[in-house]
PDB file of N, CA and C in Angstrom:
ATOM      1  N   MET A   1     102.423 217.800  71.506  1.00  0.00           N
ATOM      2  CA  MET A   1     101.976 217.736  72.880  1.00  0.00           C
ATOM      3  C   MET A   1     101.510 219.110  73.358  1.00  0.00           C
ATOM      4  N   ARG A   2     102.193 220.145  72.952  1.00  0.00           N
ATOM      5  CA  ARG A   2     101.856 221.500  73.367  1.00  0.00           C
ATOM      6  C   ARG A   2     100.465 221.903  72.896  1.00  0.00           C
ATOM      7  N   SER A   3     100.096 221.532  71.670  1.00  0.00           N
ATOM      8  CA  SER A   3      98.778 221.900  71.161  1.00  0.00           C
ATOM      9  C   SER A   3      97.672 221.142  71.901  1.00  0.00           C
ATOM     10  N   ALA A   4      97.922 219.911  72.291  1.00  0.00           N
ATOM     11  CA  ALA A   4      96.930 219.149  73.049  1.00  0.00           C
ATOM     12  C   ALA A   4      96.691 219.794  74.417  1.00  0.00           C
ATOM     13  N   LEU A   5      97.760 220.266  75.048  1.00  0.00           N
ATOM     14  CA  LEU A   5      97.628 220.939  76.346  1.00  0.00           C
ATOM     15  C   LEU A   5      96.872 222.254  76.194  1.00  0.00           C
ATOM     16  N   LEU A   6      97.189 223.006  75.161  1.00  0.00           N
ATOM     17  CA  LEU A   6      96.488 224.265  74.910  1.00  0.00           C
ATOM     18  C   LEU A   6      95.002 224.008  74.631  1.00  0.00           C
ATOM     19  N   ARG A   7      94.708 222.959  73.882  1.00  0.00           N
ATOM     20  CA  ARG A   7      93.330 222.607  73.586  1.00  0.00           C
ATOM     21  C   ARG A   7      92.568 222.259  74.868  1.00  0.00           C
ATOM     22  N   ARG A   8      93.187 221.471  75.740  1.00  0.00           N
ATOM     23  CA  ARG A   8      92.542 221.125  77.010  1.00  0.00           C
ATOM     24  C   ARG A   8      92.300 222.359  77.862  1.00  0.00           C
ATOM     25  N   ARG A   9      93.285 223.248  77.919  1.00  0.00           N
ATOM     26  CA  ARG A   9      93.121 224.487  78.690  1.00  0.00           C
ATOM     27  C   ARG A   9      92.013 225.357  78.105  1.00  0.00           C
ATOM     28  N   PHE A  10      91.978 225.425  76.783  1.00  0.00           N
ATOM     29  CA  PHE A  10      90.934 226.210  76.124  1.00  0.00           C
ATOM     30  C   PHE A  10      89.551 225.648  76.438  1.00  0.00           C
ATOM     31  N   LEU A  11      89.392 224.334  76.285  1.00  0.00           N
ATOM     32  CA  LEU A  11      88.085 223.731  76.535  1.00  0.00           C
ATOM     33  C   LEU A  11      87.660 223.887  77.990  1.00  0.00           C
ATOM     34  N   ARG A  12      88.601 223.760  78.918  1.00  0.00           N
ATOM     35  CA  ARG A  12      88.288 223.958  80.330  1.00  0.00           C
ATOM     36  C   ARG A  12      87.863 225.400  80.582  1.00  0.00           C
ATOM     37  N   ALA A  13      88.602 226.355  80.035  1.00  0.00           N
ATOM     38  CA  ALA A  13      88.260 227.769  80.214  1.00  0.00           C
ATOM     39  C   ALA A  13      86.948 228.100  79.512  1.00  0.00           C
ATOM     40  N   PHE A  14      86.722 227.520  78.328  1.00  0.00           N
ATOM     41  CA  PHE A  14      85.479 227.767  77.597  1.00  0.00           C
ATOM     42  C   PHE A  14      84.287 227.284  78.415  1.00  0.00           C
ATOM     43  N   TRP A  15      84.399 226.094  78.982  1.00  0.00           N
ATOM     44  CA  TRP A  15      83.312 225.552  79.790  1.00  0.00           C
ATOM     45  C   TRP A  15      83.057 226.424  81.020  1.00  0.00           C
ATOM     46  N   GLN A  16      84.127 226.883  81.678  1.00  0.00           N
ATOM     47  CA  GLN A  16      83.961 227.737  82.860  1.00  0.00           C
ATOM     48  C   GLN A  16      83.295 229.063  82.496  1.00  0.00           C
ATOM     49  N   GLU A  17      83.702 229.665  81.400  1.00  0.00           N
ATOM     50  CA  GLU A  17      83.097 230.928  80.967  1.00  0.00           C
ATOM     51  C   GLU A  17      81.643 230.720  80.540  1.00  0.00           C
ATOM     52  N   LEU A  18      81.376 229.607  79.880  1.00  0.00           N
ATOM     53  CA  LEU A  18      80.022 229.305  79.436  1.00  0.00           C
ATOM     54  C   LEU A  18      79.089 229.113  80.627  1.00  0.00           C
ATOM     55  N   ARG A  19      79.590 228.509  81.688  1.00  0.00           N
ATOM     56  CA  ARG A  19      78.780 228.328  82.898  1.00  0.00           C
ATOM     57  C   ARG A  19      78.398 229.671  83.515  1.00  0.00           C
ATOM     58  N   ILE A  20      79.233 230.667  83.357  1.00  0.00           N
ATOM     59  CA  ILE A  20      78.942 231.986  83.915  1.00  0.00           C
ATOM     60  C   ILE A  20      77.789 232.649  83.168  1.00  0.00           C
ATOM     61  N   ILE A  21      77.813 232.577  81.845  1.00  0.00           N
ATOM     62  CA  ILE A  21      76.778 233.265  81.072  1.00  0.00           C
ATOM     63  C   ILE A  21      75.622 232.357  80.675  1.00  0.00           C
ATOM     64  N   TRP A  22      75.612 231.110  81.181  1.00  0.00           N
ATOM     65  CA  TRP A  22      74.557 230.174  80.805  1.00  0.00           C
ATOM     66  C   TRP A  22      73.150 230.711  81.077  1.00  0.00           C
ATOM     67  N   PRO A  23      72.886 231.374  82.201  1.00  0.00           N
ATOM     68  CA  PRO A  23      71.520 231.902  82.400  1.00  0.00           C
ATOM     69  C   PRO A  23      71.097 232.876  81.297  1.00  0.00           C
ATOM     70  N   ILE A  24      72.017 233.676  80.828  1.00  0.00           N
ATOM     71  CA  ILE A  24      71.703 234.622  79.754  1.00  0.00           C
ATOM     72  C   ILE A  24      71.464 233.867  78.448  1.00  0.00           C
ATOM     73  N   LEU A  25      72.365 232.946  78.125  1.00  0.00           N
ATOM     74  CA  LEU A  25      72.217 232.182  76.886  1.00  0.00           C
ATOM     75  C   LEU A  25      70.921 231.374  76.869  1.00  0.00           C
ATOM     76  N   SER A  26      70.645 230.693  77.962  1.00  0.00           N
ATOM     77  CA  SER A  26      69.443 229.867  77.986  1.00  0.00           C
ATOM     78  C   SER A  26      68.181 230.732  77.927  1.00  0.00           C
ATOM     79  N   GLY A  27      68.201 231.877  78.581  1.00  0.00           N
ATOM     80  CA  GLY A  27      67.050 232.776  78.507  1.00  0.00           C
ATOM     81  C   GLY A  27      66.800 233.268  77.094  1.00  0.00           C
ATOM     82  N   LEU A  28      67.868 233.644  76.412  1.00  0.00           N
ATOM     83  CA  LEU A  28      67.721 234.098  75.028  1.00  0.00           C
ATOM     84  C   LEU A  28      67.228 232.976  74.117  1.00  0.00           C
ATOM     85  N   LEU A  29      67.722 231.757  74.342  1.00  0.00           N
ATOM     86  CA  LEU A  29      67.266 230.619  73.543  1.00  0.00           C
ATOM     87  C   LEU A  29      65.785 230.327  73.782  1.00  0.00           C
ATOM     88  N   VAL A  30      65.356 230.434  75.036  1.00  0.00           N
ATOM     89  CA  VAL A  30      63.947 230.195  75.350  1.00  0.00           C
ATOM     90  C   VAL A  30      63.066 231.243  74.668  1.00  0.00           C
ATOM     91  N   VAL A  31      63.477 232.505  74.726  1.00  0.00           N
ATOM     92  CA  VAL A  31      62.704 233.565  74.057  1.00  0.00           C
ATOM     93  C   VAL A  31      62.670 233.315  72.555  1.00  0.00           C
ATOM     94  N   GLN A  32      63.804 232.957  72.005  1.00  0.00           N
ATOM     95  CA  GLN A  32      63.888 232.709  70.567  1.00  0.00           C
ATOM     96  C   GLN A  32      62.976 231.552  70.156  1.00  0.00           C
ATOM     97  N   LEU A  33      63.036 230.455  70.886  1.00  0.00           N
ATOM     98  CA  LEU A  33      62.196 229.307  70.553  1.00  0.00           C
ATOM     99  C   LEU A  33      60.715 229.600  70.799  1.00  0.00           C
ATOM    100  N   GLY A  34      60.432 230.378  71.833  1.00  0.00           N
ATOM    101  CA  GLY A  34      59.052 230.763  72.092  1.00  0.00           C
ATOM    102  C   GLY A  34      58.475 231.603  70.963  1.00  0.00           C
ATOM    103  N   LEU A  35      59.262 232.561  70.506  1.00  0.00           N
ATOM    104  CA  LEU A  35      58.814 233.371  69.367  1.00  0.00           C
ATOM    105  C   LEU A  35      58.642 232.521  68.116  1.00  0.00           C
ATOM    106  N   GLY A  36      59.557 231.588  67.909  1.00  0.00           N
ATOM    107  CA  GLY A  36      59.450 230.701  66.751  1.00  0.00           C
ATOM    108  C   GLY A  36      58.207 229.831  66.812  1.00  0.00           C
ATOM    109  N   ALA A  37      57.893 229.320  68.014  1.00  0.00           N
ATOM    110  CA  ALA A  37      56.680 228.517  68.175  1.00  0.00           C
ATOM    111  C   ALA A  37      55.437 229.365  67.937  1.00  0.00           C
ATOM    112  N   LEU A  38      55.458 230.607  68.414  1.00  0.00           N
ATOM    113  CA  LEU A  38      54.323 231.505  68.193  1.00  0.00           C
ATOM    114  C   LEU A  38      54.151 231.819  66.703  1.00  0.00           C
ATOM    115  N   ILE A  39      55.250 232.058  66.026  1.00  0.00           N
ATOM    116  CA  ILE A  39      55.188 232.284  64.582  1.00  0.00           C
ATOM    117  C   ILE A  39      54.613 231.054  63.889  1.00  0.00           C
ATOM    118  N   GLY A  40      55.107 229.885  64.274  1.00  0.00           N
ATOM    119  CA  GLY A  40      54.600 228.650  63.675  1.00  0.00           C
ATOM    120  C   GLY A  40      53.114 228.464  63.915  1.00  0.00           C
ATOM    121  N   TYR A  41      52.662 228.790  65.108  1.00  0.00           N
ATOM    122  CA  TYR A  41      51.236 228.677  65.423  1.00  0.00           C
ATOM    123  C   TYR A  41      50.413 229.645  64.566  1.00  0.00           C
ATOM    124  N   LEU A  42      50.853 230.902  64.509  1.00  0.00           N
ATOM    125  CA  LEU A  42      50.108 231.907  63.744  1.00  0.00           C
ATOM    126  C   LEU A  42      50.131 231.637  62.242  1.00  0.00           C
ATOM    127  N   GLU A  43      51.237 231.101  61.769  1.00  0.00           N
ATOM    128  CA  GLU A  43      51.356 230.803  60.334  1.00  0.00           C
ATOM    129  C   GLU A  43      50.843 229.405  59.988  1.00  0.00           C
ATOM    130  N   GLU A  44      50.415 228.667  61.019  1.00  0.00           N
ATOM    131  CA  GLU A  44      49.901 227.310  60.855  1.00  0.00           C
ATOM    132  C   GLU A  44      50.933 226.361  60.260  1.00  0.00           C
ATOM    133  N   TRP A  45      52.163 226.465  60.774  1.00  0.00           N
ATOM    134  CA  TRP A  45      53.236 225.557  60.387  1.00  0.00           C
ATOM    135  C   TRP A  45      53.325 224.443  61.414  1.00  0.00           C
ATOM    136  N   PRO A  46      53.792 223.259  61.006  1.00  0.00           N
ATOM    137  CA  PRO A  46      54.084 222.209  61.986  1.00  0.00           C
ATOM    138  C   PRO A  46      55.203 222.675  62.934  1.00  0.00           C
ATOM    139  N   LEU A  47      55.243 222.100  64.130  1.00  0.00           N
ATOM    140  CA  LEU A  47      56.231 222.519  65.131  1.00  0.00           C
ATOM    141  C   LEU A  47      57.669 222.331  64.629  1.00  0.00           C
ATOM    142  N   GLY A  48      57.911 221.256  63.890  1.00  0.00           N
ATOM    143  CA  GLY A  48      59.246 221.030  63.341  1.00  0.00           C
ATOM    144  C   GLY A  48      59.664 222.130  62.380  1.00  0.00           C
ATOM    145  N   ASN A  49      58.748 222.564  61.545  1.00  0.00           N
ATOM    146  CA  ASN A  49      59.048 223.666  60.622  1.00  0.00           C
ATOM    147  C   ASN A  49      59.284 224.963  61.371  1.00  0.00           C
ATOM    148  N   ALA A  50      58.527 225.181  62.448  1.00  0.00           N
ATOM    149  CA  ALA A  50      58.706 226.397  63.238  1.00  0.00           C
ATOM    150  C   ALA A  50      60.086 226.405  63.902  1.00  0.00           C
ATOM    151  N   ALA A  51      60.505 225.254  64.450  1.00  0.00           N
ATOM    152  CA  ALA A  51      61.837 225.165  65.067  1.00  0.00           C
ATOM    153  C   ALA A  51      62.925 225.366  64.012  1.00  0.00           C
ATOM    154  N   TYR A  52      62.747 224.743  62.853  1.00  0.00           N
ATOM    155  CA  TYR A  52      63.698 224.912  61.751  1.00  0.00           C
ATOM    156  C   TYR A  52      63.795 226.384  61.347  1.00  0.00           C
ATOM    157  N   PHE A  53      62.643 227.027  61.181  1.00  0.00           N
ATOM    158  CA  PHE A  53      62.618 228.440  60.818  1.00  0.00           C
ATOM    159  C   PHE A  53      63.345 229.285  61.867  1.00  0.00           C
ATOM    160  N   THR A  54      63.122 228.964  63.142  1.00  0.00           N
ATOM    161  CA  THR A  54      63.745 229.720  64.225  1.00  0.00           C
ATOM    162  C   THR A  54      65.266 229.634  64.149  1.00  0.00           C
ATOM    163  N   PHE A  55      65.798 228.432  63.969  1.00  0.00           N
ATOM    164  CA  PHE A  55      67.251 228.295  63.935  1.00  0.00           C
ATOM    165  C   PHE A  55      67.859 228.873  62.663  1.00  0.00           C
ATOM    166  N   VAL A  56      67.193 228.696  61.541  1.00  0.00           N
ATOM    167  CA  VAL A  56      67.707 229.262  60.289  1.00  0.00           C
ATOM    168  C   VAL A  56      67.702 230.790  60.362  1.00  0.00           C
ATOM    169  N   THR A  57      66.661 231.353  60.945  1.00  0.00           N
ATOM    170  CA  THR A  57      66.583 232.804  61.080  1.00  0.00           C
ATOM    171  C   THR A  57      67.554 233.300  62.144  1.00  0.00           C
ATOM    172  N   GLY A  58      67.616 232.591  63.287  1.00  0.00           N
ATOM    173  CA  GLY A  58      68.503 233.002  64.374  1.00  0.00           C
ATOM    174  C   GLY A  58      69.969 232.944  64.003  1.00  0.00           C
ATOM    175  N   LEU A  59      70.328 232.011  63.160  1.00  0.00           N
ATOM    176  CA  LEU A  59      71.716 231.921  62.695  1.00  0.00           C
ATOM    177  C   LEU A  59      71.963 232.815  61.487  1.00  0.00           C
ATOM    178  N   THR A  60      70.963 233.589  61.119  1.00  0.00           N
ATOM    179  CA  THR A  60      70.981 234.543  60.004  1.00  0.00           C
ATOM    180  C   THR A  60      71.340 233.878  58.674  1.00  0.00           C
ATOM    181  N   ILE A  61      70.941 232.616  58.521  1.00  0.00           N
ATOM    182  CA  ILE A  61      71.146 231.925  57.253  1.00  0.00           C
ATOM    183  C   ILE A  61      70.043 232.332  56.283  1.00  0.00           C
ATOM    184  N   GLY A  62      68.804 232.176  56.704  1.00  0.00           N
ATOM    185  CA  GLY A  62      67.656 232.638  55.933  1.00  0.00           C
ATOM    186  C   GLY A  62      67.530 232.015  54.557  1.00  0.00           C
ATOM    187  N   TYR A  63      67.237 230.737  54.491  1.00  0.00           N
ATOM    188  CA  TYR A  63      67.092 230.073  53.203  1.00  0.00           C
ATOM    189  C   TYR A  63      65.920 230.611  52.391  1.00  0.00           C
ATOM    190  N   GLY A  64      64.857 231.041  53.055  1.00  0.00           N
ATOM    191  CA  GLY A  64      63.704 231.575  52.354  1.00  0.00           C
ATOM    192  C   GLY A  64      62.667 230.548  51.985  1.00  0.00           C
ATOM    193  N   ASP A  65      62.843 229.310  52.436  1.00  0.00           N
ATOM    194  CA  ASP A  65      61.842 228.293  52.118  1.00  0.00           C
ATOM    195  C   ASP A  65      60.610 228.414  53.011  1.00  0.00           C
ATOM    196  N   LEU A  66      60.756 228.988  54.191  1.00  0.00           N
ATOM    197  CA  LEU A  66      59.613 229.315  55.051  1.00  0.00           C
ATOM    198  C   LEU A  66      59.640 230.822  55.280  1.00  0.00           C
ATOM    199  N   VAL A  67      58.552 231.468  54.916  1.00  0.00           N
ATOM    200  CA  VAL A  67      58.500 232.930  55.016  1.00  0.00           C
ATOM    201  C   VAL A  67      57.207 233.321  55.716  1.00  0.00           C
ATOM    202  N   PRO A  68      57.289 234.080  56.813  1.00  0.00           N
ATOM    203  CA  PRO A  68      56.068 234.543  57.474  1.00  0.00           C
ATOM    204  C   PRO A  68      55.302 235.503  56.560  1.00  0.00           C
ATOM    205  N   SER A  69      53.984 235.389  56.588  1.00  0.00           N
ATOM    206  CA  SER A  69      53.185 236.221  55.691  1.00  0.00           C
ATOM    207  C   SER A  69      52.531 237.407  56.404  1.00  0.00           C
ATOM    208  N   ARG A  70      52.433 237.376  57.700  1.00  0.00           N
ATOM    209  CA  ARG A  70      51.790 238.453  58.455  1.00  0.00           C
ATOM    210  C   ARG A  70      52.818 239.465  58.932  1.00  0.00           C
ATOM    211  N   VAL A  71      52.395 240.688  59.117  1.00  0.00           N
ATOM    212  CA  VAL A  71      53.301 241.736  59.598  1.00  0.00           C
ATOM    213  C   VAL A  71      53.801 241.400  60.995  1.00  0.00           C
ATOM    214  N   SER A  72      52.922 240.937  61.855  1.00  0.00           N
ATOM    215  CA  SER A  72      53.319 240.631  63.236  1.00  0.00           C
ATOM    216  C   SER A  72      54.351 239.503  63.289  1.00  0.00           C
ATOM    217  N   THR A  73      54.162 238.471  62.477  1.00  0.00           N
ATOM    218  CA  THR A  73      55.119 237.366  62.494  1.00  0.00           C
ATOM    219  C   THR A  73      56.436 237.760  61.829  1.00  0.00           C
ATOM    220  N   ARG A  74      56.385 238.663  60.884  1.00  0.00           N
ATOM    221  CA  ARG A  74      57.632 239.169  60.289  1.00  0.00           C
ATOM    222  C   ARG A  74      58.432 239.980  61.307  1.00  0.00           C
ATOM    223  N   LEU A  75      57.741 240.771  62.109  1.00  0.00           N
ATOM    224  CA  LEU A  75      58.430 241.529  63.159  1.00  0.00           C
ATOM    225  C   LEU A  75      59.042 240.589  64.193  1.00  0.00           C
ATOM    226  N   MET A  76      58.322 239.523  64.540  1.00  0.00           N
ATOM    227  CA  MET A  76      58.880 238.534  65.467  1.00  0.00           C
ATOM    228  C   MET A  76      60.108 237.852  64.864  1.00  0.00           C
ATOM    229  N   ALA A  77      60.085 237.634  63.558  1.00  0.00           N
ATOM    230  CA  ALA A  77      61.238 237.026  62.887  1.00  0.00           C
ATOM    231  C   ALA A  77      62.457 237.944  62.960  1.00  0.00           C
ATOM    232  N   VAL A  78      62.230 239.245  62.871  1.00  0.00           N
ATOM    233  CA  VAL A  78      63.334 240.202  63.008  1.00  0.00           C
ATOM    234  C   VAL A  78      63.919 240.118  64.423  1.00  0.00           C
ATOM    235  N   ILE A  79      63.049 239.993  65.415  1.00  0.00           N
ATOM    236  CA  ILE A  79      63.525 239.858  66.794  1.00  0.00           C
ATOM    237  C   ILE A  79      64.331 238.569  66.957  1.00  0.00           C
ATOM    238  N   ILE A  80      63.870 237.484  66.347  1.00  0.00           N
ATOM    239  CA  ILE A  80      64.618 236.230  66.385  1.00  0.00           C
ATOM    240  C   ILE A  80      66.002 236.423  65.776  1.00  0.00           C
ATOM    241  N   GLY A  81      66.085 237.158  64.677  1.00  0.00           N
ATOM    242  CA  GLY A  81      67.378 237.430  64.042  1.00  0.00           C
ATOM    243  C   GLY A  81      68.299 238.231  64.935  1.00  0.00           C
ATOM    244  N   PHE A  82      67.773 239.250  65.602  1.00  0.00           N
ATOM    245  CA  PHE A  82      68.592 240.048  66.518  1.00  0.00           C
ATOM    246  C   PHE A  82      69.084 239.215  67.696  1.00  0.00           C
ATOM    247  N   ILE A  83      68.215 238.383  68.233  1.00  0.00           N
ATOM    248  CA  ILE A  83      68.623 237.510  69.335  1.00  0.00           C
ATOM    249  C   ILE A  83      69.705 236.546  68.863  1.00  0.00           C
ATOM    250  N   GLY A  84      69.572 236.048  67.642  1.00  0.00           N
ATOM    251  CA  GLY A  84      70.589 235.149  67.088  1.00  0.00           C
ATOM    252  C   GLY A  84      71.936 235.825  66.947  1.00  0.00           C
ATOM    253  N   ILE A  85      71.930 237.077  66.530  1.00  0.00           N
ATOM    254  CA  ILE A  85      73.190 237.829  66.431  1.00  0.00           C
ATOM    255  C   ILE A  85      73.802 238.000  67.812  1.00  0.00           C
ATOM    256  N   LEU A  86      72.971 238.304  68.802  1.00  0.00           N
ATOM    257  CA  LEU A  86      73.446 238.456  70.171  1.00  0.00           C
ATOM    258  C   LEU A  86      74.018 237.146  70.705  1.00  0.00           C
ATOM    259  N   LEU A  87      73.343 236.041  70.453  1.00  0.00           N
ATOM    260  CA  LEU A  87      73.838 234.735  70.897  1.00  0.00           C
ATOM    261  C   LEU A  87      75.180 234.395  70.247  1.00  0.00           C
ATOM    262  N   THR A  88      75.281 234.645  68.957  1.00  0.00           N
ATOM    263  CA  THR A  88      76.535 234.376  68.255  1.00  0.00           C
ATOM    264  C   THR A  88      77.670 235.221  68.823  1.00  0.00           C
ATOM    265  N   GLY A  89      77.383 236.485  69.102  1.00  0.00           N
ATOM    266  CA  GLY A  89      78.393 237.363  69.690  1.00  0.00           C
ATOM    267  C   GLY A  89      78.815 236.917  71.072  1.00  0.00           C
ATOM    268  N   LEU A  90      77.861 236.464  71.879  1.00  0.00           N
ATOM    269  CA  LEU A  90      78.200 235.995  73.222  1.00  0.00           C
ATOM    270  C   LEU A  90      79.084 234.751  73.175  1.00  0.00           C
ATOM    271  N   VAL A  91      78.745 233.810  72.311  1.00  0.00           N
ATOM    272  CA  VAL A  91      79.549 232.587  72.199  1.00  0.00           C
ATOM    273  C   VAL A  91      80.946 232.920  71.666  1.00  0.00           C
ATOM    274  N   ALA A  92      81.031 233.832  70.715  1.00  0.00           N
ATOM    275  CA  ALA A  92      82.344 234.240  70.201  1.00  0.00           C
ATOM    276  C   ALA A  92      83.165 234.926  71.287  1.00  0.00           C
ATOM    277  N   ALA A  93      82.520 235.775  72.085  1.00  0.00           N
ATOM    278  CA  ALA A  93      83.232 236.456  73.172  1.00  0.00           C
ATOM    279  C   ALA A  93      83.734 235.454  74.206  1.00  0.00           C
ATOM    280  N   VAL A  94      82.930 234.445  74.498  1.00  0.00           N
ATOM    281  CA  VAL A  94      83.358 233.404  75.437  1.00  0.00           C
ATOM    282  C   VAL A  94      84.559 232.660  74.865  1.00  0.00           C
ATOM    283  N   GLY A  95      84.520 232.372  73.570  1.00  0.00           N
ATOM    284  CA  GLY A  95      85.648 231.694  72.941  1.00  0.00           C
ATOM    285  C   GLY A  95      86.926 232.516  72.985  1.00  0.00           C
ATOM    286  N   VAL A  96      86.818 233.805  72.734  1.00  0.00           N
ATOM    287  CA  VAL A  96      87.990 234.686  72.781  1.00  0.00           C
ATOM    288  C   VAL A  96      88.546 234.750  74.204  1.00  0.00           C
ATOM    289  N   GLN A  97      87.664 234.892  75.176  1.00  0.00           N
ATOM    290  CA  GLN A  97      88.108 234.948  76.566  1.00  0.00           C
ATOM    291  C   GLN A  97      88.753 233.625  76.984  1.00  0.00           C
ATOM    292  N   ALA A  98      88.177 232.510  76.568  1.00  0.00           N
ATOM    293  CA  ALA A  98      88.751 231.205  76.905  1.00  0.00           C
ATOM    294  C   ALA A  98      90.124 231.036  76.273  1.00  0.00           C
ATOM    295  N   LEU A  99      90.287 231.500  75.051  1.00  0.00           N
ATOM    296  CA  LEU A  99      91.595 231.423  74.406  1.00  0.00           C
ATOM    297  C   LEU A  99      92.608 232.312  75.130  1.00  0.00           C
ATOM    298  N   ARG A 100      92.160 233.479  75.555  1.00  0.00           N
ATOM    299  CA  ARG A 100      93.040 234.375  76.303  1.00  0.00           C
ATOM    300  C   ARG A 100      93.496 233.730  77.607  1.00  0.00           C
ATOM    301  N   VAL A 101      92.566 233.086  78.311  1.00  0.00           N
ATOM    302  CA  VAL A 101      92.912 232.412  79.569  1.00  0.00           C
ATOM    303  C   VAL A 101      93.844 231.242  79.299  1.00  0.00           C
ATOM    304  N   ALA A 102      93.554 230.447  78.278  1.00  0.00           N
ATOM    305  CA  ALA A 102      94.394 229.290  77.963  1.00  0.00           C
ATOM    306  C   ALA A 102      95.801 229.713  77.576  1.00  0.00           C
ATOM    307  N   ARG A 103      95.910 230.806  76.830  1.00  0.00           N
ATOM    308  CA  ARG A 103      97.231 231.284  76.420  1.00  0.00           C
ATOM    309  C   ARG A 103      98.004 231.919  77.583  1.00  0.00           C
ATOM    310  N   SER A 104      97.280 232.556  78.512  1.00  0.00           N
ATOM    311  CA  SER A 104      97.974 233.204  79.634  1.00  0.00           C
ATOM    312  C   SER A 104      98.551 232.159  80.583  1.00  0.00           C
ATOM    313  N   ASP A 105      97.939 230.987  80.654  1.00  0.00           N
ATOM    314  CA  ASP A 105      98.483 229.897  81.480  1.00  0.00           C
ATOM    315  C   ASP A 105      99.687 229.249  80.811  1.00  0.00           C
ATOM    316  N   ASP A 106      99.950 229.638  79.564  1.00  0.00           N
ATOM    317  CA  ASP A 106     100.980 229.001  78.756  1.00  0.00           C
ATOM    318  C   ASP A 106     102.385 229.480  79.097  1.00  0.00           C
ATOM    319  N   GLY A 107     102.500 230.566  79.854  1.00  0.00           N
ATOM    320  CA  GLY A 107     103.752 231.212  80.212  1.00  0.00           C
ATOM    321  C   GLY A 107     104.918 230.383  80.270  1.00  0.00           C
TER     322      GLY A 107
END
């Protein structure tokens, strides 16, 4: 029962913290997807491939099945990777803060 209560507190705190930084997260996602669409347009990839490339690059997985060939699109891909690292860090920070709040209510 205790773990279920902690889980509920964590999810509530996570949602509250996420609502605070949502404008930042959504802005970064829009920039990331915009850059991915631009890369797809310049590289003449279908939109689905461009979105796939954006998420694979943003999550720093980098399978290598889609590779930009132009210098400008490669630089944009680096920016997508940096934004992905920033997004991952923000979500992790929100999770840590939510866990801290959930545990502090546990007194």
